[in-house]
């Protein structure tokens, strides 16, 4: 990397072209600085846990995994609570919203502190997902769980941190998707990709196929068609599944791919959380030129993820995202099949 062209995350955000006002950009810079501080601490903790696994004959165990989850959660909460612009936070690890200020006139920050923590024992990738929702129009009064439930289209920024061979941050402030790498020598995230554009056609898909016997017919038909070696329509897709959402989405963004977590008969409402997993990822995927949808539980029809109004802080949904053409094809299949084929319509 040319030292003369090195651009830190903070510098990039301060000079980036955006439709946001200068005040909003200033707020985003402050909040992203707080997120940076937290994820650097989390990155070191993940590396230390990996070292313990490498130099011991046994497993790190559920206790260590839980400690990492708690550390990641508390680190993010402590760092973000120092930002006067943030009035409330929502996290996978906390049952209720974390209200910092009684007057809801600031930003809402959401996060999944440590995605894939169950994989630490085998040294697989982990991640942190975050989203920043625009300032609430409500002023005065008390913040409640109800007014924390925001649509994904109200995000002003989102991203994830991928703890792998290097610590990467992929993020967007609504003007494309950028990638940064943590330079541990200087302790800064440096820009390495100014614009990530997901290929419109996917060469691979990520889904837990062990659940295929409990999928709906549309999902089964789609997966069988995209991997069919006799297909005249496309080259057969390859299956690539890590089991950490951040890792699977990261690969899909860079090389083209599908990340699918469909409804299943034993989990018709889906598994991944809308507010702090699906929305931030869907925001990134759309900014990169991809597509993301879910299935509406009332109509049984596809719906853009970013338009879904949450009904619960920890609401789960079926989630389909990735390369535009292939996700659009799957979406049309659900449209054509109608609600009778949707497991969501049977809730």
Foldseek 3Di string as FASTA:
>chain_A
DDPVPWDFPLRCLQPPDDPDDNVVSVLVSQQVVLVLVLVVVLLVLLVVLLVVLVPDPDFPDPVSLVVSQVSLVVSSCVSNLPRPQEQWEAEPVDQFIDGNDFWQFHKYKYKHRWFPSVCSNVQDKIKMWMWIFGTDPGTDGGDGRQVNFAFLVRTQKIWMWINHPWIKIWMDRLQAIWIWTQDVVVRTTITDGPHFAFAQAAQAEEDDCVQVVFAFPLVVVLLCQQQPCPDPPDHRHYYDYDNGVVVRLVCCRRHNYKYWFAAGLVGLFTDQFLPHPQSRSQSNQVSNVKAKWFADLAWRAIDGSSPDGDPHSRGHTTIIMIRHPSSVVSNVSSVVVTNVRGSSPVD
